[in-house]
N, C-alpha and C. Protein backbone atom coordinates (compact mmCIF):
# COMPACT_ATOMS: atom_id res chain seq x y z
N VAL A 1 114.79 -60.74 -68.49
CA VAL A 1 115.84 -61.39 -67.74
C VAL A 1 117.17 -60.71 -68.03
N ALA A 2 117.42 -60.41 -69.29
CA ALA A 2 118.70 -59.79 -69.64
C ALA A 2 118.86 -58.44 -68.96
N ALA A 3 117.79 -57.68 -68.89
CA ALA A 3 117.88 -56.35 -68.26
C ALA A 3 118.21 -56.46 -66.78
N THR A 4 117.62 -57.41 -66.09
CA THR A 4 117.92 -57.56 -64.66
C THR A 4 119.31 -58.13 -64.44
N GLU A 5 119.77 -59.00 -65.35
CA GLU A 5 121.14 -59.51 -65.24
C GLU A 5 122.16 -58.39 -65.45
N GLN A 6 121.90 -57.51 -66.41
CA GLN A 6 122.79 -56.37 -66.64
C GLN A 6 122.82 -55.46 -65.42
N THR A 7 121.67 -55.26 -64.81
CA THR A 7 121.60 -54.43 -63.61
C THR A 7 122.40 -55.05 -62.49
N ALA A 8 122.23 -56.34 -62.28
CA ALA A 8 122.97 -57.03 -61.22
C ALA A 8 124.47 -56.96 -61.44
N GLN A 9 124.90 -57.12 -62.68
CA GLN A 9 126.33 -57.03 -62.99
C GLN A 9 126.87 -55.63 -62.73
N ALA A 10 126.11 -54.62 -63.13
CA ALA A 10 126.54 -53.24 -62.92
C ALA A 10 126.63 -52.92 -61.44
N VAL A 11 125.66 -53.36 -60.67
CA VAL A 11 125.67 -53.12 -59.23
C VAL A 11 126.83 -53.86 -58.57
N ALA A 12 127.06 -55.10 -58.95
CA ALA A 12 128.16 -55.87 -58.37
C ALA A 12 129.50 -55.21 -58.66
N TYR A 13 129.65 -54.71 -59.88
CA TYR A 13 130.91 -54.06 -60.25
C TYR A 13 131.13 -52.78 -59.46
N THR A 14 130.09 -51.97 -59.35
CA THR A 14 130.25 -50.67 -58.69
C THR A 14 130.37 -50.79 -57.18
N THR A 15 129.89 -51.86 -56.61
CA THR A 15 129.97 -52.02 -55.15
C THR A 15 131.10 -52.96 -54.72
N SER A 16 131.91 -53.40 -55.65
CA SER A 16 132.96 -54.37 -55.33
C SER A 16 134.01 -53.83 -54.38
N ASP A 17 134.17 -52.51 -54.31
CA ASP A 17 135.15 -51.93 -53.39
C ASP A 17 134.51 -51.45 -52.09
N ASP A 18 133.26 -51.85 -51.84
CA ASP A 18 132.52 -51.49 -50.62
C ASP A 18 132.28 -49.99 -50.47
N ALA A 19 132.36 -49.26 -51.54
CA ALA A 19 132.06 -47.83 -51.53
C ALA A 19 131.34 -47.49 -52.83
N VAL A 20 130.37 -46.61 -52.73
CA VAL A 20 129.61 -46.21 -53.91
C VAL A 20 129.67 -44.70 -54.03
N THR A 21 130.22 -44.23 -55.12
CA THR A 21 130.31 -42.79 -55.36
C THR A 21 129.07 -42.32 -56.10
N SER A 22 128.88 -41.03 -56.12
CA SER A 22 127.73 -40.48 -56.85
C SER A 22 127.86 -40.76 -58.34
N GLU A 23 129.08 -40.83 -58.84
CA GLU A 23 129.28 -41.16 -60.25
C GLU A 23 128.85 -42.61 -60.53
N GLU A 24 129.15 -43.49 -59.58
CA GLU A 24 128.74 -44.89 -59.75
C GLU A 24 127.22 -45.03 -59.68
N VAL A 25 126.60 -44.29 -58.80
CA VAL A 25 125.13 -44.30 -58.74
C VAL A 25 124.56 -43.83 -60.07
N ALA A 26 125.13 -42.77 -60.61
CA ALA A 26 124.67 -42.25 -61.89
C ALA A 26 124.88 -43.27 -63.01
N ALA A 27 125.94 -44.06 -62.91
CA ALA A 27 126.21 -45.07 -63.94
C ALA A 27 125.26 -46.26 -63.82
N VAL A 28 124.89 -46.63 -62.61
CA VAL A 28 124.04 -47.80 -62.39
C VAL A 28 122.57 -47.48 -62.61
N TYR A 29 122.15 -46.28 -62.32
CA TYR A 29 120.72 -45.94 -62.36
C TYR A 29 120.07 -46.25 -63.71
N PRO A 30 120.70 -45.95 -64.85
CA PRO A 30 120.03 -46.29 -66.12
C PRO A 30 119.74 -47.79 -66.27
N TYR A 31 120.62 -48.64 -65.74
CA TYR A 31 120.37 -50.08 -65.78
C TYR A 31 119.13 -50.41 -64.96
N TYR A 32 119.05 -49.85 -63.78
CA TYR A 32 117.89 -50.06 -62.90
C TYR A 32 116.61 -49.57 -63.57
N ASP A 33 116.68 -48.38 -64.13
CA ASP A 33 115.52 -47.78 -64.77
C ASP A 33 115.05 -48.64 -65.94
N TYR A 34 116.00 -49.12 -66.74
CA TYR A 34 115.66 -49.97 -67.88
C TYR A 34 115.06 -51.29 -67.42
N ALA A 35 115.62 -51.88 -66.38
CA ALA A 35 115.09 -53.15 -65.86
C ALA A 35 113.66 -52.95 -65.36
N GLU A 36 113.43 -51.86 -64.65
CA GLU A 36 112.08 -51.58 -64.13
C GLU A 36 111.09 -51.41 -65.28
N TYR A 37 111.50 -50.67 -66.32
CA TYR A 37 110.65 -50.47 -67.50
C TYR A 37 110.36 -51.80 -68.19
N THR A 38 111.39 -52.63 -68.33
CA THR A 38 111.24 -53.91 -69.02
C THR A 38 110.30 -54.84 -68.27
N ILE A 39 110.41 -54.87 -66.96
CA ILE A 39 109.52 -55.70 -66.15
C ILE A 39 108.07 -55.23 -66.28
N ALA A 40 107.86 -53.93 -66.21
CA ALA A 40 106.51 -53.38 -66.35
C ALA A 40 105.93 -53.71 -67.73
N TYR A 41 106.76 -53.63 -68.76
CA TYR A 41 106.31 -53.94 -70.11
C TYR A 41 105.96 -55.42 -70.24
N ALA A 42 106.77 -56.29 -69.65
CA ALA A 42 106.49 -57.73 -69.68
C ALA A 42 105.17 -58.03 -68.98
N GLU A 43 104.92 -57.37 -67.86
CA GLU A 43 103.65 -57.58 -67.15
C GLU A 43 102.48 -57.11 -68.01
N GLU A 44 102.66 -56.01 -68.71
CA GLU A 44 101.61 -55.50 -69.59
C GLU A 44 101.34 -56.49 -70.73
N LEU A 45 102.40 -57.05 -71.29
CA LEU A 45 102.24 -58.04 -72.36
C LEU A 45 101.53 -59.29 -71.86
N MET A 46 101.83 -59.72 -70.65
CA MET A 46 101.14 -60.88 -70.08
C MET A 46 99.65 -60.61 -69.92
N ASP A 47 99.30 -59.40 -69.50
CA ASP A 47 97.89 -59.04 -69.37
C ASP A 47 97.19 -59.07 -70.72
N VAL A 48 97.83 -58.52 -71.75
CA VAL A 48 97.25 -58.51 -73.09
C VAL A 48 97.10 -59.94 -73.61
N TYR A 49 98.12 -60.76 -73.39
CA TYR A 49 98.07 -62.16 -73.83
C TYR A 49 96.91 -62.89 -73.16
N TYR A 50 96.77 -62.69 -71.85
CA TYR A 50 95.68 -63.36 -71.14
C TYR A 50 94.32 -62.86 -71.64
N ASP A 51 94.22 -61.56 -71.90
CA ASP A 51 92.97 -61.02 -72.43
C ASP A 51 92.62 -61.66 -73.77
N LEU A 52 93.63 -61.91 -74.60
CA LEU A 52 93.40 -62.48 -75.92
C LEU A 52 93.13 -63.98 -75.87
N TYR A 53 93.88 -64.70 -75.05
CA TYR A 53 93.84 -66.16 -75.10
C TYR A 53 93.33 -66.83 -73.83
N GLY A 54 92.99 -66.08 -72.82
CA GLY A 54 92.54 -66.67 -71.56
C GLY A 54 91.29 -67.51 -71.71
N ALA A 55 90.30 -66.99 -72.42
CA ALA A 55 89.04 -67.73 -72.60
C ALA A 55 89.28 -69.01 -73.39
N LEU A 56 90.12 -68.93 -74.41
CA LEU A 56 90.44 -70.11 -75.21
C LEU A 56 91.13 -71.17 -74.35
N ALA A 57 92.05 -70.75 -73.52
CA ALA A 57 92.73 -71.70 -72.63
C ALA A 57 91.74 -72.35 -71.67
N ASP A 58 90.83 -71.56 -71.13
CA ASP A 58 89.82 -72.12 -70.23
C ASP A 58 88.95 -73.15 -70.94
N GLU A 59 88.57 -72.86 -72.19
CA GLU A 59 87.76 -73.80 -72.96
C GLU A 59 88.52 -75.11 -73.20
N MET A 60 89.80 -75.00 -73.53
CA MET A 60 90.60 -76.20 -73.80
C MET A 60 90.74 -77.04 -72.53
N ILE A 61 90.93 -76.40 -71.41
CA ILE A 61 91.04 -77.13 -70.14
C ILE A 61 89.73 -77.83 -69.82
N ASP A 62 88.61 -77.13 -70.05
CA ASP A 62 87.30 -77.74 -69.80
C ASP A 62 87.09 -78.98 -70.67
N GLU A 63 87.56 -78.93 -71.92
CA GLU A 63 87.41 -80.08 -72.81
C GLU A 63 88.27 -81.25 -72.36
N LEU A 64 89.41 -80.98 -71.77
CA LEU A 64 90.30 -82.04 -71.33
C LEU A 64 89.83 -82.71 -70.05
N VAL A 65 89.05 -81.99 -69.27
CA VAL A 65 88.60 -82.52 -67.98
C VAL A 65 87.38 -83.32 -68.12
């Protein structure tokens, strides 16, 4: 969440004058790249978590039903 918020803030700041220079694109791109990396990593962690605990969660739900 923090990475995407930083990206949104950087984009809002650089586009506030309704013009985007190549320098501003170069300044914003690392934020975008980091946000994209962070999202992909979070998705990977969710997959690993589900692989580890998915069966256990299914068993617990079956016991409750």
